[in-house]
C-alpha atoms as a PDB file:
ATOM      1  CA  MET A   1       0.000   0.000   0.000  1.00  0.00           C
ATOM      2  CA  THR A   2       1.124   3.556  -0.599  1.00  0.00           C
ATOM      3  CA  SER A   3       1.275   6.029   2.282  1.00  0.00           C
ATOM      4  CA  HIS A   4      -1.909   7.741   1.029  1.00  0.00           C
ATOM      5  CA  PRO A   5      -4.581   5.189   0.108  1.00  0.00           C
ATOM      6  CA  GLU A   6      -7.023   8.075  -0.374  1.00  0.00           C
ATOM      7  CA  PHE A   7      -5.122   9.222  -3.463  1.00  0.00           C
ATOM      8  CA  GLY A   8      -6.800   8.072  -6.636  1.00  0.00           C
ATOM      9  CA  GLU A   9      -7.996   8.797 -10.145  1.00  0.00           C
ATOM     10  CA  ARG A  10      -8.776  12.480  -9.572  1.00  0.00           C
ATOM     11  CA  THR A  11      -5.951  13.415  -7.213  1.00  0.00           C
ATOM     12  CA  PRO A  12      -4.044  16.392  -8.642  1.00  0.00           C
ATOM     13  CA  GLY A  13      -0.294  16.088  -8.941  1.00  0.00           C
ATOM     14  CA  SER A  14       0.042  19.450  -7.206  1.00  0.00           C
ATOM     15  CA  GLU A  15      -1.380  17.867  -4.051  1.00  0.00           C
ATOM     16  CA  VAL A  16       1.009  14.904  -4.298  1.00  0.00           C
ATOM     17  CA  ALA A  17       3.975  17.263  -4.637  1.00  0.00           C
ATOM     18  CA  LYS A  18       2.943  19.200  -1.528  1.00  0.00           C
ATOM     19  CA  VAL A  19       2.538  16.026   0.523  1.00  0.00           C
ATOM     20  CA  PHE A  20       5.987  14.775  -0.481  1.00  0.00           C
ATOM     21  CA  ALA A  21       7.751  18.139  -0.451  1.00  0.00           C
ATOM     22  CA  ASP A  22      10.574  16.760   1.705  1.00  0.00           C
ATOM     23  CA  GLN A  23      11.405  14.195  -0.991  1.00  0.00           C
ATOM     24  CA  ILE A  24      11.692  16.970  -3.631  1.00  0.00           C
ATOM     25  CA  ARG A  25      13.523  19.716  -1.766  1.00  0.00           C
ATOM     26  CA  GLY A  26      17.141  20.012  -2.884  1.00  0.00           C
ATOM     27  CA  LYS A  27      16.975  16.989  -5.224  1.00  0.00           C
ATOM     28  CA  THR A  28      18.357  16.709  -8.729  1.00  0.00           C
ATOM     29  CA  ILE A  29      15.568  15.456 -11.006  1.00  0.00           C
ATOM     30  CA  LEU A  30      15.449  14.765 -14.748  1.00  0.00           C
ATOM     31  CA  VAL A  31      12.172  14.439 -16.667  1.00  0.00           C
ATOM     32  CA  THR A  32      11.985  13.508 -20.350  1.00  0.00           C
ATOM     33  CA  GLY A  33       9.181  14.389 -22.760  1.00  0.00           C
ATOM     34  CA  VAL A  34       8.513  17.900 -21.479  1.00  0.00           C
ATOM     35  CA  SER A  35       6.387  20.088 -23.749  1.00  0.00           C
ATOM     36  CA  PRO A  36       3.604  22.640 -23.152  1.00  0.00           C
ATOM     37  CA  LYS A  37       0.219  21.354 -21.911  1.00  0.00           C
ATOM     38  CA  SER A  38       1.536  17.810 -21.458  1.00  0.00           C
ATOM     39  CA  ILE A  39       1.848  15.384 -18.564  1.00  0.00           C
ATOM     40  CA  GLY A  40       5.556  16.138 -18.601  1.00  0.00           C
ATOM     41  CA  ALA A  41       4.935  19.868 -18.206  1.00  0.00           C
ATOM     42  CA  SER A  42       2.569  19.299 -15.272  1.00  0.00           C
ATOM     43  CA  THR A  43       5.078  16.928 -13.692  1.00  0.00           C
ATOM     44  CA  VAL A  44       7.959  19.411 -13.779  1.00  0.00           C
ATOM     45  CA  LEU A  45       5.795  22.359 -12.713  1.00  0.00           C
ATOM     46  CA  ASN A  46       4.577  20.403  -9.697  1.00  0.00           C
ATOM     47  CA  LEU A  47       8.132  19.362  -8.847  1.00  0.00           C
ATOM     48  CA  ALA A  48       9.332  22.957  -9.225  1.00  0.00           C
ATOM     49  CA  SER A  49       6.740  24.106  -6.684  1.00  0.00           C
ATOM     50  CA  GLN A  50       8.647  22.325  -3.899  1.00  0.00           C
ATOM     51  CA  SER A  51      12.164  23.686  -4.453  1.00  0.00           C
ATOM     52  CA  PRO A  52      14.250  20.961  -6.088  1.00  0.00           C
ATOM     53  CA  GLY A  53      17.983  21.665  -6.234  1.00  0.00           C
ATOM     54  CA  LEU A  54      18.176  21.144  -9.994  1.00  0.00           C
ATOM     55  CA  LEU A  55      15.405  20.359 -12.457  1.00  0.00           C
ATOM     56  CA  ILE A  56      16.541  19.075 -15.866  1.00  0.00           C
ATOM     57  CA  LEU A  57      13.981  19.099 -18.672  1.00  0.00           C
ATOM     58  CA  ALA A  58      14.730  16.870 -21.651  1.00  0.00           C
ATOM     59  CA  SER A  59      12.843  16.794 -24.944  1.00  0.00           C
ATOM     60  CA  ARG A  60      13.208  16.949 -28.740  1.00  0.00           C
ATOM     61  CA  THR A  61      12.237  20.530 -29.587  1.00  0.00           C
ATOM     62  CA  LYS A  62      14.188  23.453 -28.165  1.00  0.00           C
ATOM     63  CA  SER A  63      11.414  26.055 -28.458  1.00  0.00           C
ATOM     64  CA  ARG A  64       8.812  23.853 -26.782  1.00  0.00           C
ATOM     65  CA  ILE A  65      11.014  22.772 -23.917  1.00  0.00           C
ATOM     66  CA  GLN A  66      12.159  26.353 -23.386  1.00  0.00           C
ATOM     67  CA  GLU A  67       8.539  27.475 -23.121  1.00  0.00           C
ATOM     68  CA  VAL A  68       8.044  25.178 -20.124  1.00  0.00           C
ATOM     69  CA  ALA A  69      11.393  26.197 -18.608  1.00  0.00           C
ATOM     70  CA  ASP A  70      10.327  29.837 -18.857  1.00  0.00           C
ATOM     71  CA  GLN A  71       7.037  29.043 -17.100  1.00  0.00           C
ATOM     72  CA  ILE A  72       8.984  27.508 -14.222  1.00  0.00           C
ATOM     73  CA  THR A  73      11.401  30.442 -14.012  1.00  0.00           C
ATOM     74  CA  THR A  74       8.526  32.927 -13.976  1.00  0.00           C
ATOM     75  CA  LYS A  75       6.523  31.063 -11.355  1.00  0.00           C
ATOM     76  CA  TYR A  76       9.388  29.714  -9.242  1.00  0.00           C
ATOM     77  CA  PRO A  77      12.374  32.027  -9.829  1.00  0.00           C
ATOM     78  CA  GLY A  78      14.494  30.357  -7.139  1.00  0.00           C
ATOM     79  CA  VAL A  79      14.581  26.978  -8.906  1.00  0.00           C
ATOM     80  CA  ARG A  80      17.561  26.134 -11.093  1.00  0.00           C
ATOM     81  CA  VAL A  81      16.243  24.803 -14.410  1.00  0.00           C
ATOM     82  CA  GLU A  82      18.359  23.354 -17.222  1.00  0.00           C
ATOM     83  CA  THR A  83      17.277  21.977 -20.583  1.00  0.00           C
ATOM     84  CA  VAL A  84      18.742  19.123 -22.601  1.00  0.00           C
ATOM     85  CA  LEU A  85      17.768  18.219 -26.151  1.00  0.00           C
ATOM     86  CA  VAL A  86      17.189  14.525 -26.806  1.00  0.00           C
ATOM     87  CA  ASP A  87      15.491  12.563 -29.551  1.00  0.00           C
ATOM     88  CA  LEU A  88      14.732   9.125 -28.125  1.00  0.00           C
ATOM     89  CA  GLY A  89      14.435   7.826 -31.670  1.00  0.00           C
ATOM     90  CA  SER A  90      18.142   8.468 -32.247  1.00  0.00           C
ATOM     91  CA  GLN A  91      20.772   6.597 -30.264  1.00  0.00           C
ATOM     92  CA  GLU A  92      23.358   9.195 -31.287  1.00  0.00           C
ATOM     93  CA  SER A  93      21.150  11.924 -29.790  1.00  0.00           C
ATOM     94  CA  ILE A  94      20.640   9.888 -26.609  1.00  0.00           C
ATOM     95  CA  ARG A  95      24.374   9.416 -26.095  1.00  0.00           C
ATOM     96  CA  ARG A  96      24.956  13.124 -26.641  1.00  0.00           C
ATOM     97  CA  ALA A  97      22.168  14.008 -24.192  1.00  0.00           C
ATOM     98  CA  ALA A  98      23.592  11.707 -21.502  1.00  0.00           C
ATOM     99  CA  ALA A  99      26.936  13.487 -21.831  1.00  0.00           C
ATOM    100  CA  ASP A 100      25.154  16.848 -21.577  1.00  0.00           C
ATOM    101  CA  VAL A 101      23.428  15.754 -18.374  1.00  0.00           C
ATOM    102  CA  ALA A 102      26.734  14.565 -16.896  1.00  0.00           C
ATOM    103  CA  ALA A 103      28.181  18.012 -17.643  1.00  0.00           C
ATOM    104  CA  LEU A 104      25.402  19.606 -15.573  1.00  0.00           C
ATOM    105  CA  THR A 105      25.566  17.369 -12.489  1.00  0.00           C
ATOM    106  CA  ASP A 106      27.541  14.519 -10.948  1.00  0.00           C
ATOM    107  CA  LYS A 107      24.439  12.944  -9.382  1.00  0.00           C
ATOM    108  CA  LEU A 108      20.820  12.267 -10.266  1.00  0.00           C
ATOM    109  CA  ASP A 109      18.292  11.562  -7.519  1.00  0.00           C
ATOM    110  CA  ILE A 110      15.246  10.870  -9.701  1.00  0.00           C
ATOM    111  CA  LEU A 111      14.904   9.982 -13.379  1.00  0.00           C
ATOM    112  CA  ILE A 112      11.405  10.116 -14.869  1.00  0.00           C
ATOM    113  CA  ASN A 113      11.189   8.503 -18.309  1.00  0.00           C
ATOM    114  CA  ASN A 114       8.023  10.313 -19.326  1.00  0.00           C
ATOM    115  CA  ALA A 115       8.570  10.725 -23.088  1.00  0.00           C
ATOM    116  CA  GLY A 116       6.755   8.579 -25.627  1.00  0.00           C
ATOM    117  CA  ARG A 117       5.526   8.402 -29.205  1.00  0.00           C
ATOM    118  CA  VAL A 118       2.243   7.319 -30.766  1.00  0.00           C
ATOM    119  CA  VAL A 119       2.262   6.820 -34.538  1.00  0.00           C
ATOM    120  CA  THR A 120      -0.403   5.452 -36.877  1.00  0.00           C
ATOM    121  CA  SER A 121       1.781   4.592 -39.865  1.00  0.00           C
ATOM    122  CA  ARG A 122       4.907   2.491 -40.221  1.00  0.00           C
ATOM    123  CA  GLN A 123       7.904   4.579 -39.184  1.00  0.00           C
ATOM    124  CA  ALA A 124      11.377   3.712 -37.954  1.00  0.00           C
ATOM    125  CA  THR A 125      14.028   5.199 -35.690  1.00  0.00           C
ATOM    126  CA  GLN A 126      17.363   6.277 -37.139  1.00  0.00           C
ATOM    127  CA  GLU A 127      18.620   2.754 -36.420  1.00  0.00           C
ATOM    128  CA  GLY A 128      15.759   1.108 -38.320  1.00  0.00           C
ATOM    129  CA  ILE A 129      13.794  -0.036 -35.266  1.00  0.00           C
ATOM    130  CA  GLU A 130       9.985   0.240 -35.379  1.00  0.00           C
ATOM    131  CA  GLN A 131       9.291   3.769 -34.134  1.00  0.00           C
ATOM    132  CA  GLN A 132       7.094   3.087 -31.096  1.00  0.00           C
ATOM    133  CA  PHE A 133       9.223   0.214 -29.755  1.00  0.00           C
ATOM    134  CA  GLY A 134      12.406   2.137 -30.534  1.00  0.00           C
ATOM    135  CA  THR A 135      11.334   5.445 -28.998  1.00  0.00           C
ATOM    136  CA  ASN A 136       9.148   4.237 -26.126  1.00  0.00           C
ATOM    137  CA  HIS A 137      11.432   1.443 -24.910  1.00  0.00           C
ATOM    138  CA  ILE A 138      14.848   1.248 -26.571  1.00  0.00           C
ATOM    139  CA  GLY A 139      15.416   4.989 -26.150  1.00  0.00           C
ATOM    140  CA  PRO A 140      14.696   5.053 -22.395  1.00  0.00           C
ATOM    141  CA  PHE A 141      16.637   1.779 -21.991  1.00  0.00           C
ATOM    142  CA  LEU A 142      19.772   3.362 -23.432  1.00  0.00           C
ATOM    143  CA  LEU A 143      19.353   6.718 -21.689  1.00  0.00           C
ATOM    144  CA  THR A 144      18.734   5.120 -18.292  1.00  0.00           C
ATOM    145  CA  ASN A 145      21.766   2.868 -18.532  1.00  0.00           C
ATOM    146  CA  LEU A 146      24.000   5.752 -19.593  1.00  0.00           C
ATOM    147  CA  LEU A 147      22.770   7.782 -16.605  1.00  0.00           C
ATOM    148  CA  LEU A 148      23.171   4.967 -14.064  1.00  0.00           C
ATOM    149  CA  PRO A 149      26.542   6.257 -12.796  1.00  0.00           C
ATOM    150  CA  LEU A 150      24.813   9.500 -11.765  1.00  0.00           C
ATOM    151  CA  LEU A 151      21.985   7.582 -10.093  1.00  0.00           C
ATOM    152  CA  ARG A 152      24.446   5.354  -8.239  1.00  0.00           C
ATOM    153  CA  LYS A 153      26.312   8.450  -7.045  1.00  0.00           C
ATOM    154  CA  ALA A 154      23.088   9.889  -5.586  1.00  0.00           C
ATOM    155  CA  ALA A 155      22.223   6.551  -3.967  1.00  0.00           C
ATOM    156  CA  GLU A 156      25.478   6.635  -1.993  1.00  0.00           C
ATOM    157  CA  THR A 157      24.042   9.352   0.258  1.00  0.00           C
ATOM    158  CA  ASN A 158      20.261   8.940  -0.159  1.00  0.00           C
ATOM    159  CA  PRO A 159      18.216   6.596   2.034  1.00  0.00           C
ATOM    160  CA  PRO A 160      17.769   3.173   0.378  1.00  0.00           C
ATOM    161  CA  GLY A 161      15.095   3.363  -2.297  1.00  0.00           C
ATOM    162  CA  ALA A 162      14.927   7.164  -2.387  1.00  0.00           C
ATOM    163  CA  THR A 163      16.889   7.263  -5.638  1.00  0.00           C
ATOM    164  CA  ARG A 164      14.326   6.306  -8.271  1.00  0.00           C
ATOM    165  CA  ILE A 165      13.690   5.538 -11.910  1.00  0.00           C
ATOM    166  CA  VAL A 166      10.074   5.945 -13.040  1.00  0.00           C
ATOM    167  CA  ASN A 167       8.975   4.571 -16.407  1.00  0.00           C
ATOM    168  CA  LEU A 168       5.675   5.705 -17.912  1.00  0.00           C
ATOM    169  CA  SER A 169       3.762   2.755 -19.338  1.00  0.00           C
ATOM    170  CA  SER A 170       0.051   2.460 -20.141  1.00  0.00           C
ATOM    171  CA  ALA A 171      -2.955   0.255 -19.491  1.00  0.00           C
ATOM    172  CA  GLY A 172      -2.695  -0.318 -23.234  1.00  0.00           C
ATOM    173  CA  HIS A 173       0.097  -2.798 -22.489  1.00  0.00           C
ATOM    174  CA  ARG A 174      -2.648  -5.364 -21.899  1.00  0.00           C
ATOM    175  CA  LEU A 175      -3.276  -5.651 -25.647  1.00  0.00           C
ATOM    176  CA  SER A 176       0.082  -7.172 -26.559  1.00  0.00           C
ATOM    177  CA  PRO A 177       3.169  -8.769 -25.047  1.00  0.00           C
ATOM    178  CA  VAL A 178       6.587  -7.990 -26.488  1.00  0.00           C
ATOM    179  CA  ARG A 179       6.777  -9.659 -29.891  1.00  0.00           C
ATOM    180  CA  PHE A 180      10.342 -10.949 -29.622  1.00  0.00           C
ATOM    181  CA  SER A 181       9.971 -12.861 -32.892  1.00  0.00           C
ATOM    182  CA  ASP A 182       8.653  -9.825 -34.753  1.00  0.00           C
ATOM    183  CA  TYR A 183       9.343  -6.663 -32.719  1.00  0.00           C
ATOM    184  CA  ASN A 184       9.421  -4.577 -35.926  1.00  0.00           C
ATOM    185  CA  LEU A 185       5.931  -5.844 -36.887  1.00  0.00           C
ATOM    186  CA  GLU A 186       7.064  -7.082 -40.273  1.00  0.00           C
ATOM    187  CA  GLY A 187       4.515  -9.894 -40.454  1.00  0.00           C
ATOM    188  CA  LYS A 188       6.828 -12.638 -39.238  1.00  0.00           C
ATOM    189  CA  PRO A 189       5.142 -15.567 -37.456  1.00  0.00           C
ATOM    190  CA  VAL A 190       5.093 -15.336 -33.670  1.00  0.00           C
ATOM    191  CA  PRO A 191       4.308 -18.037 -31.094  1.00  0.00           C
ATOM    192  CA  PRO A 192       0.959 -17.715 -29.277  1.00  0.00           C
ATOM    193  CA  GLU A 193       2.556 -16.315 -26.122  1.00  0.00           C
ATOM    194  CA  GLU A 194       3.921 -13.351 -28.140  1.00  0.00           C
ATOM    195  CA  ASP A 195       0.773 -12.618 -30.115  1.00  0.00           C
ATOM    196  CA  HIS A 196      -1.574  -9.746 -29.398  1.00  0.00           C
ATOM    197  CA  VAL A 197      -5.041 -10.048 -27.864  1.00  0.00           C
ATOM    198  CA  LYS A 198      -7.577 -11.380 -30.346  1.00  0.00           C
ATOM    199  CA  PRO A 199      -9.910 -10.036 -31.431  1.00  0.00           C
ATOM    200  CA  LEU A 200      -8.746  -6.468 -30.955  1.00  0.00           C
ATOM    201  CA  PRO A 201     -11.771  -4.260 -30.233  1.00  0.00           C
ATOM    202  CA  GLY A 202     -13.152  -2.034 -32.979  1.00  0.00           C
ATOM    203  CA  ALA A 203     -10.746   0.457 -34.514  1.00  0.00           C
ATOM    204  CA  PHE A 204      -7.887  -0.991 -32.451  1.00  0.00           C
ATOM    205  CA  ALA A 205      -7.734  -3.740 -35.078  1.00  0.00           C
ATOM    206  CA  ASN A 206      -7.075  -1.287 -37.910  1.00  0.00           C
ATOM    207  CA  CYS A 207      -3.902  -1.767 -39.884  1.00  0.00           C
ATOM    208  CA  THR A 208      -2.170   0.089 -42.691  1.00  0.00           C
ATOM    209  CA  PRO A 209      -2.071  -1.290 -46.259  1.00  0.00           C
ATOM    210  CA  ASP A 210       1.340  -2.832 -45.573  1.00  0.00           C
ATOM    211  CA  GLY A 211      -0.030  -4.733 -42.559  1.00  0.00           C
ATOM    212  CA  TYR A 212       1.309  -2.492 -39.792  1.00  0.00           C
ATOM    213  CA  LYS A 213      -0.870  -2.516 -36.651  1.00  0.00           C
ATOM    214  CA  PRO A 214      -0.130   0.695 -34.746  1.00  0.00           C
ATOM    215  CA  ILE A 215      -2.040  -0.231 -31.589  1.00  0.00           C
ATOM    216  CA  VAL A 216      -0.171  -3.544 -31.331  1.00  0.00           C
ATOM    217  CA  ALA A 217       3.134  -1.719 -31.793  1.00  0.00           C
ATOM    218  CA  TYR A 218       2.191   0.759 -29.062  1.00  0.00           C
ATOM    219  CA  ALA A 219       1.005  -1.984 -26.710  1.00  0.00           C
ATOM    220  CA  GLN A 220       4.192  -4.034 -27.007  1.00  0.00           C
ATOM    221  CA  SER A 221       6.271  -0.917 -26.285  1.00  0.00           C
ATOM    222  CA  LYS A 222       4.258  -0.301 -23.114  1.00  0.00           C
ATOM    223  CA  SER A 223       4.682  -3.941 -22.020  1.00  0.00           C
ATOM    224  CA  ALA A 224       8.400  -3.432 -22.577  1.00  0.00           C
ATOM    225  CA  ASN A 225       8.360  -0.425 -20.212  1.00  0.00           C
ATOM    226  CA  ILE A 226       7.075  -2.649 -17.409  1.00  0.00           C
ATOM    227  CA  LEU A 227       9.465  -5.531 -18.120  1.00  0.00           C
ATOM    228  CA  PHE A 228      12.343  -3.032 -18.156  1.00  0.00           C
ATOM    229  CA  THR A 229      11.202  -1.803 -14.744  1.00  0.00           C
ATOM    230  CA  ILE A 230      11.238  -5.360 -13.407  1.00  0.00           C
ATOM    231  CA  SER A 231      14.870  -5.777 -14.479  1.00  0.00           C
ATOM    232  CA  LEU A 232      15.868  -2.470 -12.904  1.00  0.00           C
ATOM    233  CA  GLN A 233      14.092  -3.281  -9.661  1.00  0.00           C
ATOM    234  CA  ARG A 234      15.635  -6.763  -9.430  1.00  0.00           C
ATOM    235  CA  HIS A 235      19.186  -5.651 -10.106  1.00  0.00           C
ATOM    236  CA  LEU A 236      19.440  -2.175  -8.582  1.00  0.00           C
ATOM    237  CA  ALA A 237      17.861  -2.713  -5.163  1.00  0.00           C
ATOM    238  CA  ASN A 238      21.272  -3.647  -3.724  1.00  0.00           C
ATOM    239  CA  HIS A 239      22.548  -0.282  -4.960  1.00  0.00           C
ATOM    240  CA  GLY A 240      19.751   1.584  -3.139  1.00  0.00           C
ATOM    241  CA  ILE A 241      17.898   2.432  -6.347  1.00  0.00           C
ATOM    242  CA  ALA A 242      14.189   1.685  -6.834  1.00  0.00           C
ATOM    243  CA  SER A 243      12.203   1.602 -10.063  1.00  0.00           C
ATOM    244  CA  TYR A 244       8.468   1.748 -10.788  1.00  0.00           C
ATOM    245  CA  ALA A 245       6.271   1.738 -13.887  1.00  0.00           C
ATOM    246  CA  VAL A 246       3.052   3.737 -14.030  1.00  0.00           C
ATOM    247  CA  HIS A 247      -0.119   4.066 -16.031  1.00  0.00           C
ATOM    248  CA  PRO A 248      -0.778   7.823 -15.775  1.00  0.00           C
ATOM    249  CA  GLY A 249      -4.392   7.532 -16.904  1.00  0.00           C
ATOM    250  CA  SER A 250      -6.122   8.801 -20.024  1.00  0.00           C
ATOM    251  CA  ILE A 251      -5.348  12.425 -20.805  1.00  0.00           C
ATOM    252  CA  VAL A 252      -6.050  14.401 -23.966  1.00  0.00           C
ATOM    253  CA  THR A 253      -2.604  15.635 -24.999  1.00  0.00           C
ATOM    254  CA  GLU A 254      -0.678  16.085 -28.229  1.00  0.00           C
ATOM    255  CA  LEU A 255       0.588  12.514 -27.840  1.00  0.00           C
ATOM    256  CA  SER A 256      -2.600  11.411 -29.617  1.00  0.00           C
ATOM    257  CA  ARG A 257      -2.436  14.034 -32.375  1.00  0.00           C
ATOM    258  CA  GLU A 258      -1.889  11.413 -35.118  1.00  0.00           C
ATOM    259  CA  GLN A 259      -4.963   9.362 -34.203  1.00  0.00           C
ATOM    260  CA  ASP A 260      -7.870   9.575 -36.635  1.00  0.00           C
ATOM    261  CA  ASP A 261     -11.495  10.235 -35.656  1.00  0.00           C
ATOM    262  CA  GLU A 262     -12.392   6.536 -35.723  1.00  0.00           C
ATOM    263  CA  LEU A 263      -9.646   5.600 -33.268  1.00  0.00           C
ATOM    264  CA  ASN A 264     -10.399   8.575 -31.024  1.00  0.00           C
ATOM    265  CA  ALA A 265     -14.060   7.510 -30.931  1.00  0.00           C
ATOM    266  CA  GLU A 266     -13.005   3.998 -29.889  1.00  0.00           C
ATOM    267  CA  PHE A 267     -10.991   5.372 -26.980  1.00  0.00           C
ATOM    268  CA  HIS A 268     -13.905   7.544 -25.869  1.00  0.00           C
ATOM    269  CA  LYS A 269     -16.205   4.509 -25.839  1.00  0.00           C
ATOM    270  CA  LEU A 270     -13.861   2.641 -23.505  1.00  0.00           C
ATOM    271  CA  ILE A 271     -12.640   5.395 -21.194  1.00  0.00           C
ATOM    272  CA  LYS A 272     -15.064   6.797 -18.648  1.00  0.00           C
ATOM    273  CA  TYR A 273     -12.945   9.590 -17.193  1.00  0.00           C
ATOM    274  CA  TRP A 274     -10.340  11.741 -18.920  1.00  0.00           C
ATOM    275  CA  LYS A 275      -7.831  13.306 -16.567  1.00  0.00           C
ATOM    276  CA  THR A 276      -6.395  16.794 -16.669  1.00  0.00           C
ATOM    277  CA  PRO A 277      -2.618  16.952 -17.180  1.00  0.00           C
ATOM    278  CA  ASP A 278      -2.292  17.826 -13.481  1.00  0.00           C
ATOM    279  CA  GLU A 279      -4.227  14.699 -12.495  1.00  0.00           C
ATOM    280  CA  GLY A 280      -2.189  12.780 -15.067  1.00  0.00           C
ATOM    281  CA  SER A 281       1.047  13.662 -13.257  1.00  0.00           C
ATOM    282  CA  SER A 282      -0.085  12.391  -9.855  1.00  0.00           C
ATOM    283  CA  THR A 283       0.741   8.680 -10.240  1.00  0.00           C
ATOM    284  CA  THR A 284       4.175   9.542 -11.633  1.00  0.00           C
ATOM    285  CA  LEU A 285       4.845  11.704  -8.592  1.00  0.00           C
ATOM    286  CA  VAL A 286       3.693   9.019  -6.156  1.00  0.00           C
ATOM    287  CA  ALA A 287       6.038   6.551  -7.865  1.00  0.00           C
ATOM    288  CA  ALA A 288       8.922   9.010  -7.727  1.00  0.00           C
ATOM    289  CA  LEU A 289       8.430  10.244  -4.179  1.00  0.00           C
ATOM    290  CA  ASP A 290       6.366   8.109  -1.796  1.00  0.00           C
ATOM    291  CA  PRO A 291       8.727   6.526   0.811  1.00  0.00           C
ATOM    292  CA  ALA A 292       6.102   3.862   1.638  1.00  0.00           C
ATOM    293  CA  LEU A 293       6.705   2.166  -1.719  1.00  0.00           C
ATOM    294  CA  ASN A 294      10.003   0.887  -0.335  1.00  0.00           C
ATOM    295  CA  GLU A 295       8.144  -1.131   2.287  1.00  0.00           C
ATOM    296  CA  VAL A 296       5.753  -2.974  -0.025  1.00  0.00           C
ATOM    297  CA  LYS A 297       6.700  -5.224  -2.936  1.00  0.00           C
ATOM    298  CA  GLY A 298       5.291  -3.912  -6.197  1.00  0.00           C
ATOM    299  CA  PHE A 299       6.370  -2.326  -9.437  1.00  0.00           C
ATOM    300  CA  TYR A 300       3.303  -1.041 -11.334  1.00  0.00           C
ATOM    301  CA  LEU A 301       0.976   1.777 -10.284  1.00  0.00           C
ATOM    302  CA  SER A 302      -2.256   3.227 -11.637  1.00  0.00           C
ATOM    303  CA  ASP A 303      -4.410   5.970 -10.104  1.00  0.00           C
ATOM    304  CA  CYS A 304      -1.734   6.529  -7.432  1.00  0.00           C
ATOM    305  CA  GLN A 305      -1.901   2.952  -6.087  1.00  0.00           C
ATOM    306  CA  TYR A 306      -0.266  -0.384  -6.740  1.00  0.00           C
ATOM    307  CA  THR A 307      -2.079  -2.570  -9.236  1.00  0.00           C
ATOM    308  CA  GLU A 308      -1.307  -5.724 -11.203  1.00  0.00           C
ATOM    309  CA  PRO A 309      -0.228  -5.589 -14.836  1.00  0.00           C
ATOM    310  CA  SER A 310      -1.057  -8.341 -17.313  1.00  0.00           C
ATOM    311  CA  ALA A 311       0.728 -11.644 -16.810  1.00  0.00           C
ATOM    312  CA  HIS A 312       2.887 -11.132 -19.893  1.00  0.00           C
ATOM    313  CA  ALA A 313       4.225  -7.874 -18.405  1.00  0.00           C
ATOM    314  CA  LYS A 314       5.415  -9.412 -15.134  1.00  0.00           C
ATOM    315  CA  ASP A 315       7.286 -12.427 -16.476  1.00  0.00           C
ATOM    316  CA  ALA A 316      10.861 -12.387 -15.141  1.00  0.00           C
ATOM    317  CA  ALA A 317      12.099 -14.586 -17.991  1.00  0.00           C
ATOM    318  CA  ALA A 318      10.596 -12.176 -20.532  1.00  0.00           C
ATOM    319  CA  ALA A 319      12.270  -9.280 -18.695  1.00  0.00           C
ATOM    320  CA  ASP A 320      15.657 -11.010 -19.028  1.00  0.00           C
ATOM    321  CA  ARG A 321      15.013 -11.743 -22.689  1.00  0.00           C
ATOM    322  CA  LEU A 322      14.038  -8.126 -23.328  1.00  0.00           C
ATOM    323  CA  TRP A 323      17.210  -6.874 -21.642  1.00  0.00           C
ATOM    324  CA  LYS A 324      19.352  -9.002 -23.963  1.00  0.00           C
ATOM    325  CA  LEU A 325      17.417  -7.907 -27.045  1.00  0.00           C
ATOM    326  CA  SER A 326      17.714  -4.264 -25.990  1.00  0.00           C
ATOM    327  CA  GLU A 327      21.485  -4.597 -25.555  1.00  0.00           C
ATOM    328  CA  GLU A 328      21.708  -6.058 -29.059  1.00  0.00           C
ATOM    329  CA  LEU A 329      19.705  -3.181 -30.514  1.00  0.00           C
ATOM    330  CA  VAL A 330      21.886  -0.516 -28.899  1.00  0.00           C
ATOM    331  CA  GLY A 331      25.130  -2.401 -29.530  1.00  0.00           C
ATOM    332  CA  GLU A 332      26.313  -2.279 -25.924  1.00  0.00           C
ATOM    333  CA  LYS A 333      26.132  -4.515 -22.854  1.00  0.00           C
ATOM    334  CA  PHE A 334      25.245  -3.017 -19.500  1.00  0.00           C
ATOM    335  CA  SER A 335      26.084  -4.752 -16.238  1.00  0.00           C
ATOM    336  CA  ILE A 336      23.711  -3.701 -13.474  1.00  0.00           C
ATOM    337  CA  GLY A 337      23.877  -6.834 -11.335  1.00  0.00           C
ATOM    338  CA  GLY A 338      25.244  -7.055  -7.855  1.00  0.00           C
END
């Protein structure tokens, strides 16, 4: 159980930040995927309200990230804010961004992997990886591993479990496991345990003329976020670092700008309550800040509380397999055991 069982679907992130102000004050925190009117923007604004030592905003577009940084500086002039450009669909950009972060600080108390992509047509990262899997999982996998020395440095002086990695997933993970045999969705045969839910409801079953199923691609990337979290939690606990995955809820943001009217209508049929961006930041902040999470075994949160993901997203063997695949796709091995 979390320390505030009364927190739920409609709890604003601003309230969570106030409750856990002591866990924010003086900390060095990095949040990816920060742009105006987004969950990321609400997350950093709520963090800024409680006087972090250094707040690093990372995103793809300089003008958009600067707009949020300026909002923070205007509202909370005492907070040090830095920006870092990163395209999670480019491993070269990720490596450059990690070096930029290391030039700003020698420690990182909290890393929030908030960024993500939703696409409705077949696209690829610079390395030729299917865009949603490459940006939503492989990108954060590489960035997190490159930043681990800074996280370990913070963990040397923080209480055990106070140094944290938060990965934003989605309830959409339930529609598909990671398709190890066909992660690029090229139409290769997959065993039943890797196949998506059948039948997919309504417009979720739509595919492009070349056979690409965008919802399946998105779902497998979100399952990967949770499996990645499992690996981090298993291997970093001895270093004093905790990791959690979250479903932030359903929020109307620019993340869904590529969805057509038919797909948007399908979502509105299924989802009863659409959160504000402030409410959408609350579960992320609980995962990043609540000390009670260290006392209870769990790794996936929704509506500010622990919940269970689908079976395919909590399989330790699948988590190990994903780690190895991810290392292959970034061309580097990362040792986090111990």
